[in-house]
Amino acid sequence: MHEAERTDTIMRRPQWRTAPASLAVAALLTATATACAPPLRDLGPLPPRFSGPPLPADTVVSEMTSVLAAEGITVDRQSTDVLGRCQERLSGRHAPETVDAALRAAFARARSEHGWQPGPDMGSRTLTLTKGNWTVTAGFPGAPAQGIQAPVIMSLTCVAGDDTPSASTPPSPLALTPAPASS
């Protein structure tokens, strides 16, 4: 039996020796990585998500409505102002044979006449533009049923907290009603 105890002791010693060695190697690697890494610098606040003053919703809607009208697309405006984020939607209908070409021409006109810039790439079936604090998106409609005009939907979204809701959106009656005095 004495031989078996000696074997156990011999087998356990390397484990006892490798644990401190592993810790030492890990500490050495950590120290090396920390010493070789450049220190983090404070670069200041992040730049704004858009440059220039925020654009009013009425200006953006007017520009987009005019470029669509120039291409023969008449749209209606639907305002949405939810929790400090303004969004406008322009919707209408157009002849299905020419709707894709009309949308492309309207977006090209917005770039050339009103200074809109190409927006983020969202795929081949979506057009996007940006200007100031606004992003405009329109998707190409699929083929509608025979005899029905193709829907045209353009979303105009205000970026960040510097949104400017439209002047045509009246404040809610709750905002104008003073709170009852507590007794």
C-alpha atoms as a PDB file:
ATOM      1  CA  MET A   1       0.000   0.000   0.000  1.00  0.00           C
ATOM      2  CA  HIS A   2       2.861   2.268   0.724  1.00  0.00           C
ATOM      3  CA  GLU A   3       3.850   2.068  -2.952  1.00  0.00           C
ATOM      4  CA  ALA A   4       0.361   3.243  -4.046  1.00  0.00           C
ATOM      5  CA  GLU A   5       0.514   6.331  -1.821  1.00  0.00           C
ATOM      6  CA  ARG A   6       3.871   7.235  -3.250  1.00  0.00           C
ATOM      7  CA  THR A   7       2.497   7.014  -6.818  1.00  0.00           C
ATOM      8  CA  ASP A   8      -0.420   9.305  -5.922  1.00  0.00           C
ATOM      9  CA  THR A   9       1.942  11.833  -4.412  1.00  0.00           C
ATOM     10  CA  ILE A  10       4.190  11.764  -7.436  1.00  0.00           C
ATOM     11  CA  MET A  11       1.250  12.191  -9.809  1.00  0.00           C
ATOM     12  CA  ARG A  12      -0.196  15.109  -7.878  1.00  0.00           C
ATOM     13  CA  ARG A  13       2.997  17.118  -7.717  1.00  0.00           C
ATOM     14  CA  PRO A  14       3.084  18.123 -11.384  1.00  0.00           C
ATOM     15  CA  GLN A  15      -0.492  19.410 -11.130  1.00  0.00           C
ATOM     16  CA  TRP A  16       0.417  21.430  -8.094  1.00  0.00           C
ATOM     17  CA  ARG A  17       3.410  22.886  -9.941  1.00  0.00           C
ATOM     18  CA  THR A  18       1.583  23.672 -13.203  1.00  0.00           C
ATOM     19  CA  ALA A  19      -1.162  25.761 -11.610  1.00  0.00           C
ATOM     20  CA  PRO A  20       1.201  28.503 -10.348  1.00  0.00           C
ATOM     21  CA  ALA A  21       3.125  28.322 -13.614  1.00  0.00           C
ATOM     22  CA  SER A  22      -0.103  28.845 -15.599  1.00  0.00           C
ATOM     23  CA  LEU A  23      -1.027  31.820 -13.450  1.00  0.00           C
ATOM     24  CA  ALA A  24       2.434  33.300 -13.934  1.00  0.00           C
ATOM     25  CA  VAL A  25       2.205  32.940 -17.729  1.00  0.00           C
ATOM     26  CA  ALA A  26      -1.284  34.498 -17.777  1.00  0.00           C
ATOM     27  CA  ALA A  27      -0.088  37.434 -15.656  1.00  0.00           C
ATOM     28  CA  LEU A  28       2.928  37.915 -17.933  1.00  0.00           C
ATOM     29  CA  LEU A  29       0.754  37.923 -21.072  1.00  0.00           C
ATOM     30  CA  THR A  30      -1.683  40.388 -19.515  1.00  0.00           C
ATOM     31  CA  ALA A  31       1.112  42.724 -18.493  1.00  0.00           C
ATOM     32  CA  THR A  32       2.671  42.534 -21.954  1.00  0.00           C
ATOM     33  CA  ALA A  33      -0.635  43.229 -23.723  1.00  0.00           C
ATOM     34  CA  THR A  34      -1.385  46.150 -21.417  1.00  0.00           C
ATOM     35  CA  ALA A  35       2.062  47.670 -21.780  1.00  0.00           C
ATOM     36  CA  CYS A  36       2.108  47.359 -25.578  1.00  0.00           C
ATOM     37  CA  ALA A  37      -1.407  48.690 -26.188  1.00  0.00           C
ATOM     38  CA  PRO A  38      -1.678  52.416 -26.889  1.00  0.00           C
ATOM     39  CA  PRO A  39      -3.486  54.373 -24.192  1.00  0.00           C
ATOM     40  CA  LEU A  40      -7.073  55.353 -24.916  1.00  0.00           C
ATOM     41  CA  ARG A  41      -7.495  59.038 -25.660  1.00  0.00           C
ATOM     42  CA  ASP A  42     -10.580  61.102 -25.085  1.00  0.00           C
ATOM     43  CA  LEU A  43     -11.525  62.390 -28.516  1.00  0.00           C
ATOM     44  CA  GLY A  44     -14.342  64.536 -27.190  1.00  0.00           C
ATOM     45  CA  PRO A  45     -18.025  64.297 -28.005  1.00  0.00           C
ATOM     46  CA  LEU A  46     -19.259  62.451 -31.064  1.00  0.00           C
ATOM     47  CA  PRO A  47     -20.018  64.618 -34.088  1.00  0.00           C
ATOM     48  CA  PRO A  48     -23.677  65.357 -34.802  1.00  0.00           C
ATOM     49  CA  ARG A  49     -25.549  62.894 -36.985  1.00  0.00           C
ATOM     50  CA  PHE A  50     -26.293  65.698 -39.436  1.00  0.00           C
ATOM     51  CA  SER A  51     -24.731  69.033 -40.314  1.00  0.00           C
ATOM     52  CA  GLY A  52     -26.409  72.383 -40.524  1.00  0.00           C
ATOM     53  CA  PRO A  53     -29.610  73.531 -38.932  1.00  0.00           C
ATOM     54  CA  PRO A  54     -32.523  71.095 -38.680  1.00  0.00           C
ATOM     55  CA  LEU A  55     -34.935  71.340 -41.587  1.00  0.00           C
ATOM     56  CA  PRO A  56     -38.634  71.971 -40.909  1.00  0.00           C
ATOM     57  CA  ALA A  57     -40.977  69.172 -41.947  1.00  0.00           C
ATOM     58  CA  ASP A  58     -42.965  71.539 -44.170  1.00  0.00           C
ATOM     59  CA  THR A  59     -39.841  72.331 -46.218  1.00  0.00           C
ATOM     60  CA  VAL A  60     -38.957  68.665 -46.680  1.00  0.00           C
ATOM     61  CA  VAL A  61     -42.527  67.697 -47.607  1.00  0.00           C
ATOM     62  CA  SER A  62     -42.755  70.625 -50.035  1.00  0.00           C
ATOM     63  CA  GLU A  63     -39.530  69.642 -51.804  1.00  0.00           C
ATOM     64  CA  MET A  64     -40.487  65.989 -52.107  1.00  0.00           C
ATOM     65  CA  THR A  65     -44.043  66.777 -53.212  1.00  0.00           C
ATOM     66  CA  SER A  66     -42.749  69.126 -55.928  1.00  0.00           C
ATOM     67  CA  VAL A  67     -40.214  66.633 -57.342  1.00  0.00           C
ATOM     68  CA  LEU A  68     -42.857  63.900 -57.416  1.00  0.00           C
ATOM     69  CA  ALA A  69     -45.394  66.234 -59.059  1.00  0.00           C
ATOM     70  CA  ALA A  70     -42.824  67.146 -61.728  1.00  0.00           C
ATOM     71  CA  GLU A  71     -42.712  63.439 -62.618  1.00  0.00           C
ATOM     72  CA  GLY A  72     -46.513  63.111 -62.675  1.00  0.00           C
ATOM     73  CA  ILE A  73     -46.970  61.565 -59.221  1.00  0.00           C
ATOM     74  CA  THR A  74     -49.550  63.263 -57.004  1.00  0.00           C
ATOM     75  CA  VAL A  75     -49.283  62.402 -53.312  1.00  0.00           C
ATOM     76  CA  ASP A  76     -51.139  63.056 -50.063  1.00  0.00           C
ATOM     77  CA  ARG A  77     -49.379  63.927 -46.825  1.00  0.00           C
ATOM     78  CA  GLN A  78     -49.785  61.971 -43.586  1.00  0.00           C
ATOM     79  CA  SER A  79     -47.960  63.369 -40.546  1.00  0.00           C
ATOM     80  CA  THR A  80     -46.930  61.280 -37.580  1.00  0.00           C
ATOM     81  CA  ASP A  81     -45.295  62.747 -34.484  1.00  0.00           C
ATOM     82  CA  VAL A  82     -44.737  59.980 -31.965  1.00  0.00           C
ATOM     83  CA  LEU A  83     -42.649  60.400 -28.808  1.00  0.00           C
ATOM     84  CA  GLY A  84     -40.385  63.145 -30.097  1.00  0.00           C
ATOM     85  CA  ARG A  85     -39.691  61.531 -33.458  1.00  0.00           C
ATOM     86  CA  CYS A  86     -41.257  63.131 -36.473  1.00  0.00           C
ATOM     87  CA  GLN A  87     -42.132  61.150 -39.521  1.00  0.00           C
ATOM     88  CA  GLU A  88     -44.034  62.112 -42.627  1.00  0.00           C
ATOM     89  CA  ARG A  89     -45.509  59.847 -45.245  1.00  0.00           C
ATOM     90  CA  LEU A  90     -46.400  60.771 -48.798  1.00  0.00           C
ATOM     91  CA  SER A  91     -48.632  58.327 -50.628  1.00  0.00           C
ATOM     92  CA  GLY A  92     -50.241  58.273 -54.027  1.00  0.00           C
ATOM     93  CA  ARG A  93     -50.687  56.215 -57.183  1.00  0.00           C
ATOM     94  CA  HIS A  94     -49.070  56.163 -60.605  1.00  0.00           C
ATOM     95  CA  ALA A  95     -49.249  54.205 -63.864  1.00  0.00           C
ATOM     96  CA  PRO A  96     -47.573  50.823 -63.260  1.00  0.00           C
ATOM     97  CA  GLU A  97     -45.659  50.896 -66.562  1.00  0.00           C
ATOM     98  CA  THR A  98     -43.704  54.042 -65.654  1.00  0.00           C
ATOM     99  CA  VAL A  99     -43.705  54.159 -61.843  1.00  0.00           C
ATOM    100  CA  ASP A 100     -40.119  52.912 -61.427  1.00  0.00           C
ATOM    101  CA  ALA A 101     -38.754  55.428 -63.959  1.00  0.00           C
ATOM    102  CA  ALA A 102     -40.811  58.245 -62.420  1.00  0.00           C
ATOM    103  CA  LEU A 103     -39.474  57.501 -58.914  1.00  0.00           C
ATOM    104  CA  ARG A 104     -35.881  57.370 -60.166  1.00  0.00           C
ATOM    105  CA  ALA A 105     -36.354  60.676 -62.007  1.00  0.00           C
ATOM    106  CA  ALA A 106     -37.951  62.295 -58.942  1.00  0.00           C
ATOM    107  CA  PHE A 107     -35.014  61.256 -56.735  1.00  0.00           C
ATOM    108  CA  ALA A 108     -32.535  62.534 -59.352  1.00  0.00           C
ATOM    109  CA  ARG A 109     -34.447  65.842 -59.467  1.00  0.00           C
ATOM    110  CA  ALA A 110     -34.330  66.107 -55.652  1.00  0.00           C
ATOM    111  CA  ARG A 111     -30.541  65.683 -55.782  1.00  0.00           C
ATOM    112  CA  SER A 112     -29.991  68.205 -58.560  1.00  0.00           C
ATOM    113  CA  GLU A 113     -32.588  70.876 -57.686  1.00  0.00           C
ATOM    114  CA  HIS A 114     -32.786  70.707 -53.895  1.00  0.00           C
ATOM    115  CA  GLY A 115     -29.360  69.449 -52.790  1.00  0.00           C
ATOM    116  CA  TRP A 116     -30.392  66.042 -51.431  1.00  0.00           C
ATOM    117  CA  GLN A 117     -27.589  63.493 -51.100  1.00  0.00           C
ATOM    118  CA  PRO A 118     -27.718  59.745 -51.761  1.00  0.00           C
ATOM    119  CA  GLY A 119     -28.722  57.907 -48.593  1.00  0.00           C
ATOM    120  CA  PRO A 120     -27.637  54.552 -47.209  1.00  0.00           C
ATOM    121  CA  ASP A 121     -27.876  51.600 -49.572  1.00  0.00           C
ATOM    122  CA  MET A 122     -30.940  49.565 -48.636  1.00  0.00           C
ATOM    123  CA  GLY A 123     -30.997  47.256 -51.645  1.00  0.00           C
ATOM    124  CA  SER A 124     -31.858  47.493 -55.316  1.00  0.00           C
ATOM    125  CA  ARG A 125     -35.611  47.895 -54.739  1.00  0.00           C
ATOM    126  CA  THR A 126     -35.302  50.935 -52.432  1.00  0.00           C
ATOM    127  CA  LEU A 127     -34.238  54.528 -53.052  1.00  0.00           C
ATOM    128  CA  THR A 128     -32.910  56.702 -50.213  1.00  0.00           C
ATOM    129  CA  LEU A 129     -31.875  60.336 -49.875  1.00  0.00           C
ATOM    130  CA  THR A 130     -30.590  62.407 -46.958  1.00  0.00           C
ATOM    131  CA  LYS A 131     -30.520  66.119 -46.288  1.00  0.00           C
ATOM    132  CA  GLY A 132     -29.840  67.742 -42.942  1.00  0.00           C
ATOM    133  CA  ASN A 133     -31.709  65.828 -40.280  1.00  0.00           C
ATOM    134  CA  TRP A 134     -34.030  63.988 -42.722  1.00  0.00           C
ATOM    135  CA  THR A 135     -33.880  60.672 -44.551  1.00  0.00           C
ATOM    136  CA  VAL A 136     -36.284  59.896 -47.386  1.00  0.00           C
ATOM    137  CA  THR A 137     -37.027  56.318 -48.439  1.00  0.00           C
ATOM    138  CA  ALA A 138     -39.180  54.957 -51.247  1.00  0.00           C
ATOM    139  CA  GLY A 139     -39.515  51.400 -52.439  1.00  0.00           C
ATOM    140  CA  PHE A 140     -40.390  50.275 -55.915  1.00  0.00           C
ATOM    141  CA  PRO A 141     -43.879  48.791 -55.900  1.00  0.00           C
ATOM    142  CA  GLY A 142     -44.497  45.307 -57.176  1.00  0.00           C
ATOM    143  CA  ALA A 143     -46.711  44.618 -60.150  1.00  0.00           C
ATOM    144  CA  PRO A 144     -50.300  45.575 -59.241  1.00  0.00           C
ATOM    145  CA  ALA A 145     -53.374  43.746 -60.497  1.00  0.00           C
ATOM    146  CA  GLN A 146     -54.531  44.485 -64.032  1.00  0.00           C
ATOM    147  CA  GLY A 147     -56.155  47.904 -64.355  1.00  0.00           C
ATOM    148  CA  ILE A 148     -55.004  49.233 -60.969  1.00  0.00           C
ATOM    149  CA  GLN A 149     -52.429  51.978 -60.572  1.00  0.00           C
ATOM    150  CA  ALA A 150     -49.251  51.198 -58.668  1.00  0.00           C
ATOM    151  CA  PRO A 151     -48.984  52.577 -55.118  1.00  0.00           C
ATOM    152  CA  VAL A 152     -46.242  55.103 -54.394  1.00  0.00           C
ATOM    153  CA  ILE A 153     -45.227  55.443 -50.740  1.00  0.00           C
ATOM    154  CA  MET A 154     -42.428  57.719 -49.578  1.00  0.00           C
ATOM    155  CA  SER A 155     -41.326  57.808 -45.930  1.00  0.00           C
ATOM    156  CA  LEU A 156     -39.619  60.923 -44.584  1.00  0.00           C
ATOM    157  CA  THR A 157     -37.958  60.400 -41.208  1.00  0.00           C
ATOM    158  CA  CYS A 158     -36.418  63.008 -38.944  1.00  0.00           C
ATOM    159  CA  VAL A 159     -33.129  62.009 -37.290  1.00  0.00           C
ATOM    160  CA  ALA A 160     -32.093  62.478 -33.620  1.00  0.00           C
ATOM    161  CA  GLY A 161     -33.780  64.688 -31.050  1.00  0.00           C
ATOM    162  CA  ASP A 162     -33.540  67.857 -33.127  1.00  0.00           C
ATOM    163  CA  ASP A 163     -36.707  67.122 -35.055  1.00  0.00           C
ATOM    164  CA  THR A 164     -38.972  69.883 -36.188  1.00  0.00           C
ATOM    165  CA  PRO A 165     -42.571  68.751 -36.394  1.00  0.00           C
ATOM    166  CA  SER A 166     -44.718  70.265 -39.060  1.00  0.00           C
ATOM    167  CA  ALA A 167     -46.513  73.540 -38.458  1.00  0.00           C
ATOM    168  CA  SER A 168     -49.749  71.966 -39.623  1.00  0.00           C
ATOM    169  CA  THR A 169     -49.788  69.530 -36.693  1.00  0.00           C
ATOM    170  CA  PRO A 170     -51.696  71.251 -33.875  1.00  0.00           C
ATOM    171  CA  PRO A 171     -50.732  70.557 -30.267  1.00  0.00           C
ATOM    172  CA  SER A 172     -52.918  68.079 -28.474  1.00  0.00           C
ATOM    173  CA  PRO A 173     -55.671  69.486 -26.225  1.00  0.00           C
ATOM    174  CA  LEU A 174     -54.107  67.699 -23.253  1.00  0.00           C
ATOM    175  CA  ALA A 175     -50.932  69.737 -23.672  1.00  0.00           C
ATOM    176  CA  LEU A 176     -52.919  72.982 -23.429  1.00  0.00           C
ATOM    177  CA  THR A 177     -55.024  71.975 -20.419  1.00  0.00           C
ATOM    178  CA  PRO A 178     -53.446  72.934 -17.075  1.00  0.00           C
ATOM    179  CA  ALA A 179     -53.144  70.240 -14.461  1.00  0.00           C
ATOM    180  CA  PRO A 180     -55.712  70.436 -11.650  1.00  0.00           C
ATOM    181  CA  ALA A 181     -54.447  72.011  -8.444  1.00  0.00           C
ATOM    182  CA  SER A 182     -53.880  69.537  -5.655  1.00  0.00           C
ATOM    183  CA  SER A 183     -55.514  70.307  -2.327  1.00  0.00           C
END
